Amino acid sequence: MNRKYIMAAVISLLALLAGPTLLDAYRLDRYIRSSAQEQDAIGGAWPRMSDACTGCHGVDGHSANQAYPSLAGQRPEYLEQQLRRFASGERHSPIMNAMARSLTQQDVSALAAHFGRQPAQANEHFKPNPAQRQKGRQLVDAGGCIACHGEGLMGSGPFPRLAGLGHDYMLKEMRGFADGSRRDPTQAMNALAATWSPQDRDAIATFLAAHPVAPQPSSQQQQARQP
């Protein structure tokens, strides 16, 4: 007799003898095992480097704090680039500088790939002012942001996803580009941000934070597209 049917018969008999408690325990054990296997496949065996990012960037990179960017669904190329800039000191943040310097290049690539695989989520923790959101839309359209940041502002190559990121984070970064404390190697963001007033930057941050997040292909679809 097939082993699968023998196991099913044994489980059924035990359930009849021991009652629903044993069957519930079996179901719980099966759920825990399958969940653990799924998590290992997604993030690797415990402990995981990505867990160190949870305090600021949320579980699997889904930030609930407007001051910290969500990493989930971010462009891996961009994440690698920024981690290297934090490690070199080119980009300044006491926490991120120290953390990035502790990573090997393999670690950097693994973290970027991990967060890039996570599905991006809309910023449901931000409630936009309608007038500011409309003004921000006009400024983003006028600035041609889609040319670098892609359709739906979901990022393209080394250019980051902007849709749904934290309002306070984006406001701080635009301020940094405007005053030169954060440098864009192409100087494009520095030149553009310098033309925006503080009110303009707030409107842009409002529009981007409230921007809907476009659906992303699953891991299986992404793998199927690879040559």
C-alpha atoms as a PDB file:
ATOM      1  CA  MET A   1       0.000   0.000   0.000  1.00  0.00           C
ATOM      2  CA  ASN A   2       1.171   3.532  -0.801  1.00  0.00           C
ATOM      3  CA  ARG A   3       2.996   5.137   2.138  1.00  0.00           C
ATOM      4  CA  LYS A   4       0.842   8.254   1.857  1.00  0.00           C
ATOM      5  CA  TYR A   5      -2.340   6.240   2.412  1.00  0.00           C
ATOM      6  CA  ILE A   6      -0.807   4.348   5.326  1.00  0.00           C
ATOM      7  CA  MET A   7       0.090   7.645   7.035  1.00  0.00           C
ATOM      8  CA  ALA A   8      -3.389   9.005   6.433  1.00  0.00           C
ATOM      9  CA  ALA A   9      -4.925   5.863   7.946  1.00  0.00           C
ATOM     10  CA  VAL A  10      -2.655   6.060  11.010  1.00  0.00           C
ATOM     11  CA  ILE A  11      -3.479   9.727  11.563  1.00  0.00           C
ATOM     12  CA  SER A  12      -7.205   9.038  11.228  1.00  0.00           C
ATOM     13  CA  LEU A  13      -7.006   6.180  13.725  1.00  0.00           C
ATOM     14  CA  LEU A  14      -5.049   8.288  16.212  1.00  0.00           C
ATOM     15  CA  ALA A  15      -7.570  11.088  15.813  1.00  0.00           C
ATOM     16  CA  LEU A  16     -10.405   8.707  16.634  1.00  0.00           C
ATOM     17  CA  LEU A  17      -8.565   7.327  19.660  1.00  0.00           C
ATOM     18  CA  ALA A  18      -7.178  10.558  21.071  1.00  0.00           C
ATOM     19  CA  GLY A  19      -9.864  12.947  19.936  1.00  0.00           C
ATOM     20  CA  PRO A  20      -9.500  16.306  18.179  1.00  0.00           C
ATOM     21  CA  THR A  21      -6.592  17.447  20.376  1.00  0.00           C
ATOM     22  CA  LEU A  22      -4.075  15.193  18.650  1.00  0.00           C
ATOM     23  CA  LEU A  23      -5.326  16.144  15.204  1.00  0.00           C
ATOM     24  CA  ASP A  24      -5.061  19.840  16.065  1.00  0.00           C
ATOM     25  CA  ALA A  25      -1.505  19.284  17.298  1.00  0.00           C
ATOM     26  CA  TYR A  26      -0.622  17.570  14.023  1.00  0.00           C
ATOM     27  CA  ARG A  27      -2.089  20.422  12.014  1.00  0.00           C
ATOM     28  CA  LEU A  28      -0.205  22.990  14.100  1.00  0.00           C
ATOM     29  CA  ASP A  29       3.072  21.095  13.650  1.00  0.00           C
ATOM     30  CA  ARG A  30       2.523  20.882   9.889  1.00  0.00           C
ATOM     31  CA  TYR A  31       1.751  24.622   9.731  1.00  0.00           C
ATOM     32  CA  ILE A  32       4.865  25.539  11.727  1.00  0.00           C
ATOM     33  CA  ARG A  33       7.088  23.335   9.583  1.00  0.00           C
ATOM     34  CA  SER A  34       5.728  24.664   6.287  1.00  0.00           C
ATOM     35  CA  SER A  35       5.954  28.283   7.516  1.00  0.00           C
ATOM     36  CA  ALA A  36       9.534  27.800   8.649  1.00  0.00           C
ATOM     37  CA  GLN A  37      10.493  26.231   5.312  1.00  0.00           C
ATOM     38  CA  GLU A  38       8.873  29.119   3.445  1.00  0.00           C
ATOM     39  CA  GLN A  39      10.666  31.722   5.569  1.00  0.00           C
ATOM     40  CA  ASP A  40      14.002  29.947   5.125  1.00  0.00           C
ATOM     41  CA  ALA A  41      13.474  29.948   1.373  1.00  0.00           C
ATOM     42  CA  ILE A  42      12.700  33.681   1.390  1.00  0.00           C
ATOM     43  CA  GLY A  43      15.200  35.009   3.886  1.00  0.00           C
ATOM     44  CA  GLY A  44      17.696  32.269   4.595  1.00  0.00           C
ATOM     45  CA  ALA A  45      18.384  30.331   7.762  1.00  0.00           C
ATOM     46  CA  TRP A  46      18.281  31.982  11.188  1.00  0.00           C
ATOM     47  CA  PRO A  47      19.750  34.295  12.334  1.00  0.00           C
ATOM     48  CA  ARG A  48      19.246  36.615   9.381  1.00  0.00           C
ATOM     49  CA  MET A  49      21.098  39.819   8.601  1.00  0.00           C
ATOM     50  CA  SER A  50      17.851  41.441   7.538  1.00  0.00           C
ATOM     51  CA  ASP A  51      16.507  41.145  11.105  1.00  0.00           C
ATOM     52  CA  ALA A  52      18.901  43.919  12.126  1.00  0.00           C
ATOM     53  CA  CYS A  53      16.992  46.257   9.794  1.00  0.00           C
ATOM     54  CA  THR A  54      13.580  45.557  11.355  1.00  0.00           C
ATOM     55  CA  GLY A  55      13.787  48.143  14.143  1.00  0.00           C
ATOM     56  CA  CYS A  56      13.818  51.057  11.692  1.00  0.00           C
ATOM     57  CA  HIS A  57      12.620  49.662   8.372  1.00  0.00           C
ATOM     58  CA  GLY A  58       9.935  47.262   9.621  1.00  0.00           C
ATOM     59  CA  VAL A  59       9.420  43.533   9.176  1.00  0.00           C
ATOM     60  CA  ASP A  60      10.755  42.460   5.769  1.00  0.00           C
ATOM     61  CA  GLY A  61      11.326  46.130   4.951  1.00  0.00           C
ATOM     62  CA  HIS A  62       7.736  47.341   5.386  1.00  0.00           C
ATOM     63  CA  SER A  63       8.219  50.535   7.384  1.00  0.00           C
ATOM     64  CA  ALA A  64       5.337  51.946   9.433  1.00  0.00           C
ATOM     65  CA  ASN A  65       7.346  55.069  10.339  1.00  0.00           C
ATOM     66  CA  GLN A  66       7.303  58.037   7.957  1.00  0.00           C
ATOM     67  CA  ALA A  67      10.891  58.887   8.922  1.00  0.00           C
ATOM     68  CA  TYR A  68      12.337  55.572   7.715  1.00  0.00           C
ATOM     69  CA  PRO A  69      12.058  54.309   4.143  1.00  0.00           C
ATOM     70  CA  SER A  70      10.452  51.021   3.261  1.00  0.00           C
ATOM     71  CA  LEU A  71      13.026  48.721   1.686  1.00  0.00           C
ATOM     72  CA  ALA A  72      10.545  46.140   0.438  1.00  0.00           C
ATOM     73  CA  GLY A  73      10.233  46.208  -3.321  1.00  0.00           C
ATOM     74  CA  GLN A  74      13.079  48.692  -3.669  1.00  0.00           C
ATOM     75  CA  ARG A  75      15.459  48.343  -6.609  1.00  0.00           C
ATOM     76  CA  PRO A  76      18.327  45.973  -5.619  1.00  0.00           C
ATOM     77  CA  GLU A  77      20.769  48.007  -7.712  1.00  0.00           C
ATOM     78  CA  TYR A  78      19.844  51.125  -5.777  1.00  0.00           C
ATOM     79  CA  LEU A  79      20.098  49.394  -2.391  1.00  0.00           C
ATOM     80  CA  GLU A  80      23.573  48.070  -3.200  1.00  0.00           C
ATOM     81  CA  GLN A  81      24.663  51.482  -4.393  1.00  0.00           C
ATOM     82  CA  GLN A  82      23.443  53.237  -1.243  1.00  0.00           C
ATOM     83  CA  LEU A  83      24.943  50.677   1.137  1.00  0.00           C
ATOM     84  CA  ARG A  84      28.310  51.230  -0.523  1.00  0.00           C
ATOM     85  CA  ARG A  85      27.892  54.988  -0.152  1.00  0.00           C
ATOM     86  CA  PHE A  86      27.057  54.625   3.522  1.00  0.00           C
ATOM     87  CA  ALA A  87      30.090  52.370   3.985  1.00  0.00           C
ATOM     88  CA  SER A  88      32.414  54.889   2.316  1.00  0.00           C
ATOM     89  CA  GLY A  89      30.969  57.833   4.233  1.00  0.00           C
ATOM     90  CA  GLU A  90      29.796  59.490   1.033  1.00  0.00           C
ATOM     91  CA  ARG A  91      26.283  59.383   2.473  1.00  0.00           C
ATOM     92  CA  HIS A  92      25.906  60.344   6.132  1.00  0.00           C
ATOM     93  CA  SER A  93      23.949  58.542   8.852  1.00  0.00           C
ATOM     94  CA  PRO A  94      25.611  57.447  12.125  1.00  0.00           C
ATOM     95  CA  ILE A  95      23.612  54.226  12.295  1.00  0.00           C
ATOM     96  CA  MET A  96      23.811  53.320   8.612  1.00  0.00           C
ATOM     97  CA  ASN A  97      27.499  54.263   8.298  1.00  0.00           C
ATOM     98  CA  ALA A  98      28.457  51.878  11.106  1.00  0.00           C
ATOM     99  CA  MET A  99      26.177  49.093   9.890  1.00  0.00           C
ATOM    100  CA  ALA A 100      27.258  49.315   6.239  1.00  0.00           C
ATOM    101  CA  ARG A 101      30.938  49.191   7.172  1.00  0.00           C
ATOM    102  CA  SER A 102      30.361  45.883   8.937  1.00  0.00           C
ATOM    103  CA  LEU A 103      29.047  44.225   5.759  1.00  0.00           C
ATOM    104  CA  THR A 104      30.988  42.305   3.155  1.00  0.00           C
ATOM    105  CA  GLN A 105      30.166  42.752  -0.527  1.00  0.00           C
ATOM    106  CA  GLN A 106      28.415  39.384  -0.381  1.00  0.00           C
ATOM    107  CA  ASP A 107      26.328  40.637   2.552  1.00  0.00           C
ATOM    108  CA  VAL A 108      25.422  43.792   0.654  1.00  0.00           C
ATOM    109  CA  SER A 109      24.274  41.835  -2.396  1.00  0.00           C
ATOM    110  CA  ALA A 110      22.305  39.370  -0.267  1.00  0.00           C
ATOM    111  CA  LEU A 111      20.483  42.134   1.622  1.00  0.00           C
ATOM    112  CA  ALA A 112      19.690  44.057  -1.557  1.00  0.00           C
ATOM    113  CA  ALA A 113      18.318  40.930  -3.227  1.00  0.00           C
ATOM    114  CA  HIS A 114      16.286  39.984  -0.138  1.00  0.00           C
ATOM    115  CA  PHE A 115      14.513  43.320   0.159  1.00  0.00           C
ATOM    116  CA  GLY A 116      14.095  43.598  -3.589  1.00  0.00           C
ATOM    117  CA  ARG A 117      12.131  40.315  -3.519  1.00  0.00           C
ATOM    118  CA  GLN A 118       9.666  41.524  -0.907  1.00  0.00           C
ATOM    119  CA  PRO A 119       6.395  42.900  -2.311  1.00  0.00           C
ATOM    120  CA  ALA A 120       6.069  46.670  -2.054  1.00  0.00           C
ATOM    121  CA  GLN A 121       3.079  47.926  -0.104  1.00  0.00           C
ATOM    122  CA  ALA A 122       1.122  51.174  -0.198  1.00  0.00           C
ATOM    123  CA  ASN A 123       1.873  53.694   2.553  1.00  0.00           C
ATOM    124  CA  GLU A 124      -1.350  53.203   4.507  1.00  0.00           C
ATOM    125  CA  HIS A 125       0.065  55.010   7.543  1.00  0.00           C
ATOM    126  CA  PHE A 126       0.051  58.395   5.786  1.00  0.00           C
ATOM    127  CA  LYS A 127      -3.039  60.560   5.266  1.00  0.00           C
ATOM    128  CA  PRO A 128      -2.347  63.232   2.645  1.00  0.00           C
ATOM    129  CA  ASN A 129      -3.694  66.756   2.448  1.00  0.00           C
ATOM    130  CA  PRO A 130      -5.653  66.751  -0.852  1.00  0.00           C
ATOM    131  CA  ALA A 131      -4.483  70.212  -1.959  1.00  0.00           C
ATOM    132  CA  GLN A 132      -0.833  69.404  -1.197  1.00  0.00           C
ATOM    133  CA  ARG A 133      -1.143  66.090  -2.982  1.00  0.00           C
ATOM    134  CA  GLN A 134      -2.464  67.774  -6.137  1.00  0.00           C
ATOM    135  CA  LYS A 135       0.272  70.398  -6.044  1.00  0.00           C
ATOM    136  CA  GLY A 136       2.858  67.653  -5.613  1.00  0.00           C
ATOM    137  CA  ARG A 137       1.478  65.800  -8.637  1.00  0.00           C
ATOM    138  CA  GLN A 138       1.940  68.901 -10.784  1.00  0.00           C
ATOM    139  CA  LEU A 139       5.520  69.424  -9.575  1.00  0.00           C
ATOM    140  CA  VAL A 140       6.446  65.771 -10.152  1.00  0.00           C
ATOM    141  CA  ASP A 141       4.992  65.886 -13.666  1.00  0.00           C
ATOM    142  CA  ALA A 142       6.810  69.136 -14.393  1.00  0.00           C
ATOM    143  CA  GLY A 143      10.077  67.720 -13.068  1.00  0.00           C
ATOM    144  CA  GLY A 144       9.892  64.694 -15.346  1.00  0.00           C
ATOM    145  CA  CYS A 145      10.534  62.330 -12.424  1.00  0.00           C
ATOM    146  CA  ILE A 146       9.127  59.392 -14.347  1.00  0.00           C
ATOM    147  CA  ALA A 147      12.048  59.570 -16.791  1.00  0.00           C
ATOM    148  CA  CYS A 148      14.444  58.234 -14.148  1.00  0.00           C
ATOM    149  CA  HIS A 149      12.171  56.650 -11.568  1.00  0.00           C
ATOM    150  CA  GLY A 150      10.088  54.620 -13.992  1.00  0.00           C
ATOM    151  CA  GLU A 151       6.429  54.009 -14.691  1.00  0.00           C
ATOM    152  CA  GLY A 152       4.352  54.485 -11.582  1.00  0.00           C
ATOM    153  CA  LEU A 153       7.490  55.849  -9.881  1.00  0.00           C
ATOM    154  CA  MET A 154       8.345  52.258  -8.948  1.00  0.00           C
ATOM    155  CA  GLY A 155      12.040  52.659  -9.778  1.00  0.00           C
ATOM    156  CA  SER A 156      14.174  51.692 -12.736  1.00  0.00           C
ATOM    157  CA  GLY A 157      17.678  50.208 -12.632  1.00  0.00           C
ATOM    158  CA  PRO A 158      19.767  52.210 -10.150  1.00  0.00           C
ATOM    159  CA  PHE A 159      16.990  54.775  -9.671  1.00  0.00           C
ATOM    160  CA  PRO A 160      14.855  54.104  -6.585  1.00  0.00           C
ATOM    161  CA  ARG A 161      11.184  53.469  -6.116  1.00  0.00           C
ATOM    162  CA  LEU A 162       9.544  56.632  -4.789  1.00  0.00           C
ATOM    163  CA  ALA A 163       5.917  55.500  -4.698  1.00  0.00           C
ATOM    164  CA  GLY A 164       4.685  54.950  -1.174  1.00  0.00           C
ATOM    165  CA  LEU A 165       7.871  55.893   0.692  1.00  0.00           C
ATOM    166  CA  GLY A 166       7.672  57.765   3.998  1.00  0.00           C
ATOM    167  CA  HIS A 167       6.742  61.448   3.772  1.00  0.00           C
ATOM    168  CA  ASP A 168       9.226  62.619   6.429  1.00  0.00           C
ATOM    169  CA  TYR A 169      12.051  60.569   4.928  1.00  0.00           C
ATOM    170  CA  MET A 170      11.569  61.985   1.437  1.00  0.00           C
ATOM    171  CA  LEU A 171      11.228  65.512   2.784  1.00  0.00           C
ATOM    172  CA  LYS A 172      14.549  65.139   4.623  1.00  0.00           C
ATOM    173  CA  GLU A 173      16.323  63.712   1.577  1.00  0.00           C
ATOM    174  CA  MET A 174      15.042  66.448  -0.743  1.00  0.00           C
ATOM    175  CA  ARG A 175      16.239  69.014   1.786  1.00  0.00           C
ATOM    176  CA  GLY A 176      19.620  67.312   1.748  1.00  0.00           C
ATOM    177  CA  PHE A 177      19.803  67.428  -2.037  1.00  0.00           C
ATOM    178  CA  ALA A 178      18.780  71.100  -2.001  1.00  0.00           C
ATOM    179  CA  ASP A 179      21.421  72.220   0.516  1.00  0.00           C
ATOM    180  CA  GLY A 180      24.118  69.865  -0.788  1.00  0.00           C
ATOM    181  CA  SER A 181      24.431  67.703   2.340  1.00  0.00           C
ATOM    182  CA  ARG A 182      23.441  64.742   0.158  1.00  0.00           C
ATOM    183  CA  ARG A 183      25.174  64.528  -3.197  1.00  0.00           C
ATOM    184  CA  ASP A 184      23.810  62.966  -6.362  1.00  0.00           C
ATOM    185  CA  PRO A 185      26.778  61.802  -8.505  1.00  0.00           C
ATOM    186  CA  THR A 186      24.981  63.133 -11.599  1.00  0.00           C
ATOM    187  CA  GLN A 187      24.072  66.388  -9.787  1.00  0.00           C
ATOM    188  CA  ALA A 188      20.582  66.089 -11.315  1.00  0.00           C
ATOM    189  CA  MET A 189      18.777  65.775  -7.978  1.00  0.00           C
ATOM    190  CA  ASN A 190      20.833  68.563  -6.423  1.00  0.00           C
ATOM    191  CA  ALA A 191      20.005  70.937  -9.280  1.00  0.00           C
ATOM    192  CA  LEU A 192      16.321  69.990  -9.313  1.00  0.00           C
ATOM    193  CA  ALA A 193      15.787  70.117  -5.546  1.00  0.00           C
ATOM    194  CA  ALA A 194      17.442  73.534  -5.376  1.00  0.00           C
ATOM    195  CA  THR A 195      14.627  74.936  -7.523  1.00  0.00           C
ATOM    196  CA  TRP A 196      11.939  73.764  -5.092  1.00  0.00           C
ATOM    197  CA  SER A 197      10.777  75.854  -2.161  1.00  0.00           C
ATOM    198  CA  PRO A 198      10.218  74.178   1.230  1.00  0.00           C
ATOM    199  CA  GLN A 199       6.497  74.222   0.435  1.00  0.00           C
ATOM    200  CA  ASP A 200       7.162  72.570  -2.926  1.00  0.00           C
ATOM    201  CA  ARG A 201       9.209  69.818  -1.301  1.00  0.00           C
ATOM    202  CA  ASP A 202       6.448  69.144   1.223  1.00  0.00           C
ATOM    203  CA  ALA A 203       3.901  68.885  -1.590  1.00  0.00           C
ATOM    204  CA  ILE A 204       6.112  66.484  -3.547  1.00  0.00           C
ATOM    205  CA  ALA A 205       6.710  64.332  -0.467  1.00  0.00           C
ATOM    206  CA  THR A 206       2.949  64.290   0.149  1.00  0.00           C
ATOM    207  CA  PHE A 207       2.191  63.168  -3.395  1.00  0.00           C
ATOM    208  CA  LEU A 208       4.863  60.469  -3.406  1.00  0.00           C
ATOM    209  CA  ALA A 209       3.985  59.103   0.037  1.00  0.00           C
ATOM    210  CA  ALA A 210       0.347  58.742  -1.001  1.00  0.00           C
ATOM    211  CA  HIS A 211       1.143  57.393  -4.469  1.00  0.00           C
ATOM    212  CA  PRO A 212      -0.341  53.929  -5.096  1.00  0.00           C
ATOM    213  CA  VAL A 213       2.096  51.060  -5.414  1.00  0.00           C
ATOM    214  CA  ALA A 214       1.967  49.160  -8.671  1.00  0.00           C
ATOM    215  CA  PRO A 215       1.649  45.347  -8.537  1.00  0.00           C
ATOM    216  CA  GLN A 216       4.971  43.557  -8.829  1.00  0.00           C
ATOM    217  CA  PRO A 217       5.743  40.232 -10.507  1.00  0.00           C
ATOM    218  CA  SER A 218       6.087  37.251  -8.197  1.00  0.00           C
ATOM    219  CA  SER A 219       9.455  35.615  -7.569  1.00  0.00           C
ATOM    220  CA  GLN A 220       8.497  32.841  -9.988  1.00  0.00           C
ATOM    221  CA  GLN A 221       7.639  35.373 -12.714  1.00  0.00           C
ATOM    222  CA  GLN A 222      10.889  37.248 -12.142  1.00  0.00           C
ATOM    223  CA  GLN A 223      12.872  34.028 -12.441  1.00  0.00           C
ATOM    224  CA  ALA A 224      10.990  33.062 -15.607  1.00  0.00           C
ATOM    225  CA  ARG A 225      11.984  36.362 -17.212  1.00  0.00           C
ATOM    226  CA  GLN A 226      15.662  35.801 -16.575  1.00  0.00           C
ATOM    227  CA  PRO A 227      17.579  34.479 -19.628  1.00  0.00           C
END
